[in-house]
Amino acid sequence: MANYKETQVSGQITKWNRAGEFHINNAFGLPPIVTFSEETVTKLESGETYIQRCGQIIKQFQNMNDSIQVIDMQNGLPKGQQITLKEIYDIVASLYLDLAVKRDLSQEPKP
């Protein structure tokens, strides 16, 4: 994932923010809400890494036609594509369905 707000603090110390986890509240009949828990990562010259929680961002998917720019998470550069909140929702829901079907198939008794 690209490092948001990456800076060199002093010498070879590097510091950046990232989404350490995210949660989607998908309550029936309500717009989805995504919560990103942010953390600051500090990597020292020695290679030691320290992680500290630093905040959160909450977004309600009110208008599913709103769009965002897609970023290449390897280099942090725009990919030249836009994606709507509806497409993001469909992708995450598809992941759930795919995983649920695979789980259920693996639990079926063998004849």
C-alpha atoms as a PDB file:
ATOM      1  CA  MET A   1       0.000   0.000   0.000  1.00  0.00           C
ATOM      2  CA  ALA A   2       1.308   3.470  -0.842  1.00  0.00           C
ATOM      3  CA  ASN A   3       2.533   5.396   2.183  1.00  0.00           C
ATOM      4  CA  TYR A   4       0.341   8.410   2.922  1.00  0.00           C
ATOM      5  CA  LYS A   5       2.208  11.407   4.375  1.00  0.00           C
ATOM      6  CA  GLU A   6       5.580   9.652   4.187  1.00  0.00           C
ATOM      7  CA  THR A   7       8.447  11.830   5.438  1.00  0.00           C
ATOM      8  CA  GLN A   8      12.032  11.358   6.533  1.00  0.00           C
ATOM      9  CA  VAL A   9      12.137  12.475  10.155  1.00  0.00           C
ATOM     10  CA  SER A  10      15.922  12.580  10.558  1.00  0.00           C
ATOM     11  CA  GLY A  11      18.634  10.520   8.947  1.00  0.00           C
ATOM     12  CA  GLN A  12      17.125   7.237   7.813  1.00  0.00           C
ATOM     13  CA  ILE A  13      13.967   7.392   9.934  1.00  0.00           C
ATOM     14  CA  THR A  14      10.849   7.129   7.773  1.00  0.00           C
ATOM     15  CA  LYS A  15       7.320   7.824   8.965  1.00  0.00           C
ATOM     16  CA  TRP A  16       3.940   7.407   7.232  1.00  0.00           C
ATOM     17  CA  ASN A  17       0.221   6.973   7.852  1.00  0.00           C
ATOM     18  CA  ARG A  18      -1.786   3.992   6.667  1.00  0.00           C
ATOM     19  CA  ALA A  19      -5.143   2.331   7.181  1.00  0.00           C
ATOM     20  CA  GLY A  20      -4.316  -0.414   9.654  1.00  0.00           C
ATOM     21  CA  GLU A  21      -7.800  -1.893   9.409  1.00  0.00           C
ATOM     22  CA  PHE A  22     -11.190  -1.069   8.036  1.00  0.00           C
ATOM     23  CA  HIS A  23     -14.686  -2.132   8.937  1.00  0.00           C
ATOM     24  CA  ILE A  24     -17.854  -1.954   6.856  1.00  0.00           C
ATOM     25  CA  ASN A  25     -21.153  -1.676   8.698  1.00  0.00           C
ATOM     26  CA  ASN A  26     -23.631  -3.153   6.221  1.00  0.00           C
ATOM     27  CA  ALA A  27     -26.833  -2.962   8.293  1.00  0.00           C
ATOM     28  CA  PHE A  28     -29.932  -4.127   6.434  1.00  0.00           C
ATOM     29  CA  GLY A  29     -31.915  -1.254   4.921  1.00  0.00           C
ATOM     30  CA  LEU A  30     -29.311   1.424   5.715  1.00  0.00           C
ATOM     31  CA  PRO A  31     -26.492   2.941   3.641  1.00  0.00           C
ATOM     32  CA  PRO A  32     -23.176   1.161   4.261  1.00  0.00           C
ATOM     33  CA  ILE A  33     -20.675   2.934   6.511  1.00  0.00           C
ATOM     34  CA  VAL A  34     -16.943   2.295   6.241  1.00  0.00           C
ATOM     35  CA  THR A  35     -14.568   3.119   9.102  1.00  0.00           C
ATOM     36  CA  PHE A  36     -10.814   3.264   8.491  1.00  0.00           C
ATOM     37  CA  SER A  37      -8.597   3.032  11.594  1.00  0.00           C
ATOM     38  CA  GLU A  38      -5.397   4.915  10.849  1.00  0.00           C
ATOM     39  CA  GLU A  39      -1.956   4.224  12.229  1.00  0.00           C
ATOM     40  CA  THR A  40       1.394   5.978  12.011  1.00  0.00           C
ATOM     41  CA  VAL A  41       4.286   3.696  11.093  1.00  0.00           C
ATOM     42  CA  THR A  42       7.793   4.780  12.093  1.00  0.00           C
ATOM     43  CA  LYS A  43      10.704   2.807  10.651  1.00  0.00           C
ATOM     44  CA  LEU A  44      14.074   3.458  12.271  1.00  0.00           C
ATOM     45  CA  GLU A  45      17.519   3.268  10.717  1.00  0.00           C
ATOM     46  CA  SER A  46      18.057  -0.058  12.517  1.00  0.00           C
ATOM     47  CA  GLY A  47      15.034  -1.559  10.737  1.00  0.00           C
ATOM     48  CA  GLU A  48      12.864  -1.514  13.843  1.00  0.00           C
ATOM     49  CA  THR A  49       9.277  -0.520  13.134  1.00  0.00           C
ATOM     50  CA  TYR A  50       6.848   1.126  15.519  1.00  0.00           C
ATOM     51  CA  ILE A  51       3.123   1.426  14.923  1.00  0.00           C
ATOM     52  CA  GLN A  52       0.829   3.844  16.738  1.00  0.00           C
ATOM     53  CA  ARG A  53      -2.909   4.374  16.181  1.00  0.00           C
ATOM     54  CA  CYS A  54      -3.560   7.948  15.164  1.00  0.00           C
ATOM     55  CA  GLY A  55      -7.203   8.393  14.191  1.00  0.00           C
ATOM     56  CA  GLN A  56     -10.039   7.227  12.022  1.00  0.00           C
ATOM     57  CA  ILE A  57     -12.034   8.221   8.965  1.00  0.00           C
ATOM     58  CA  ILE A  58     -15.741   7.391   8.702  1.00  0.00           C
ATOM     59  CA  LYS A  59     -17.609   7.527   5.391  1.00  0.00           C
ATOM     60  CA  GLN A  60     -21.287   6.757   4.867  1.00  0.00           C
ATOM     61  CA  PHE A  61     -22.094   5.557   1.353  1.00  0.00           C
ATOM     62  CA  GLN A  62     -24.957   8.053   0.987  1.00  0.00           C
ATOM     63  CA  ASN A  63     -24.702   8.673  -2.767  1.00  0.00           C
ATOM     64  CA  MET A  64     -23.613   5.420  -4.407  1.00  0.00           C
ATOM     65  CA  ASN A  65     -22.804   7.338  -7.629  1.00  0.00           C
ATOM     66  CA  ASP A  66     -20.024   9.346  -5.914  1.00  0.00           C
ATOM     67  CA  SER A  67     -16.674   8.353  -7.374  1.00  0.00           C
ATOM     68  CA  ILE A  68     -13.045   8.277  -6.316  1.00  0.00           C
ATOM     69  CA  GLN A  69      -9.804   8.145  -8.228  1.00  0.00           C
ATOM     70  CA  VAL A  70      -8.135   4.708  -8.204  1.00  0.00           C
ATOM     71  CA  ILE A  71      -4.567   4.808  -6.847  1.00  0.00           C
ATOM     72  CA  ASP A  72      -1.871   2.206  -7.582  1.00  0.00           C
ATOM     73  CA  MET A  73      -1.021   1.033  -4.060  1.00  0.00           C
ATOM     74  CA  GLN A  74       2.500  -0.023  -5.106  1.00  0.00           C
ATOM     75  CA  ASN A  75       3.627   3.462  -6.107  1.00  0.00           C
ATOM     76  CA  GLY A  76       0.899   5.855  -4.889  1.00  0.00           C
ATOM     77  CA  LEU A  77       0.204   7.195  -8.387  1.00  0.00           C
ATOM     78  CA  PRO A  78      -3.238   7.626  -9.977  1.00  0.00           C
ATOM     79  CA  LYS A  79      -4.146   4.832 -12.389  1.00  0.00           C
ATOM     80  CA  GLY A  80      -6.287   7.143 -14.513  1.00  0.00           C
ATOM     81  CA  GLN A  81      -9.522   5.424 -13.498  1.00  0.00           C
ATOM     82  CA  GLN A  82     -12.546   6.481 -11.475  1.00  0.00           C
ATOM     83  CA  ILE A  83     -14.680   4.018  -9.514  1.00  0.00           C
ATOM     84  CA  THR A  84     -18.068   4.656  -7.913  1.00  0.00           C
ATOM     85  CA  LEU A  85     -19.027   3.771  -4.356  1.00  0.00           C
ATOM     86  CA  LYS A  86     -21.552   1.342  -5.898  1.00  0.00           C
ATOM     87  CA  GLU A  87     -18.731  -0.461  -7.729  1.00  0.00           C
ATOM     88  CA  ILE A  88     -16.686  -0.645  -4.514  1.00  0.00           C
ATOM     89  CA  TYR A  89     -19.727  -2.038  -2.685  1.00  0.00           C
ATOM     90  CA  ASP A  90     -20.327  -4.600  -5.461  1.00  0.00           C
ATOM     91  CA  ILE A  91     -16.675  -5.717  -5.383  1.00  0.00           C
ATOM     92  CA  VAL A  92     -16.651  -6.186  -1.591  1.00  0.00           C
ATOM     93  CA  ALA A  93     -20.046  -7.943  -1.663  1.00  0.00           C
ATOM     94  CA  SER A  94     -18.766 -10.211  -4.463  1.00  0.00           C
ATOM     95  CA  LEU A  95     -15.722 -11.086  -2.352  1.00  0.00           C
ATOM     96  CA  TYR A  96     -18.042 -12.055   0.507  1.00  0.00           C
ATOM     97  CA  LEU A  97     -20.209 -14.226  -1.753  1.00  0.00           C
ATOM     98  CA  ASP A  98     -17.179 -15.922  -3.322  1.00  0.00           C
ATOM     99  CA  LEU A  99     -15.655 -16.705   0.090  1.00  0.00           C
ATOM    100  CA  ALA A 100     -18.989 -17.891   1.517  1.00  0.00           C
ATOM    101  CA  VAL A 101     -19.596 -20.285  -1.404  1.00  0.00           C
ATOM    102  CA  LYS A 102     -16.039 -21.677  -1.169  1.00  0.00           C
ATOM    103  CA  ARG A 103     -16.419 -22.143   2.583  1.00  0.00           C
ATOM    104  CA  ASP A 104     -19.762 -23.902   2.195  1.00  0.00           C
ATOM    105  CA  LEU A 105     -18.456 -26.168  -0.569  1.00  0.00           C
ATOM    106  CA  SER A 106     -15.494 -27.188   1.602  1.00  0.00           C
ATOM    107  CA  GLN A 107     -17.863 -28.139   4.439  1.00  0.00           C
ATOM    108  CA  GLU A 108     -20.182 -30.291   2.337  1.00  0.00           C
ATOM    109  CA  PRO A 109     -20.006 -33.989   3.248  1.00  0.00           C
ATOM    110  CA  LYS A 110     -18.242 -36.129   0.663  1.00  0.00           C
ATOM    111  CA  PRO A 111     -20.287 -39.051  -0.741  1.00  0.00           C
END
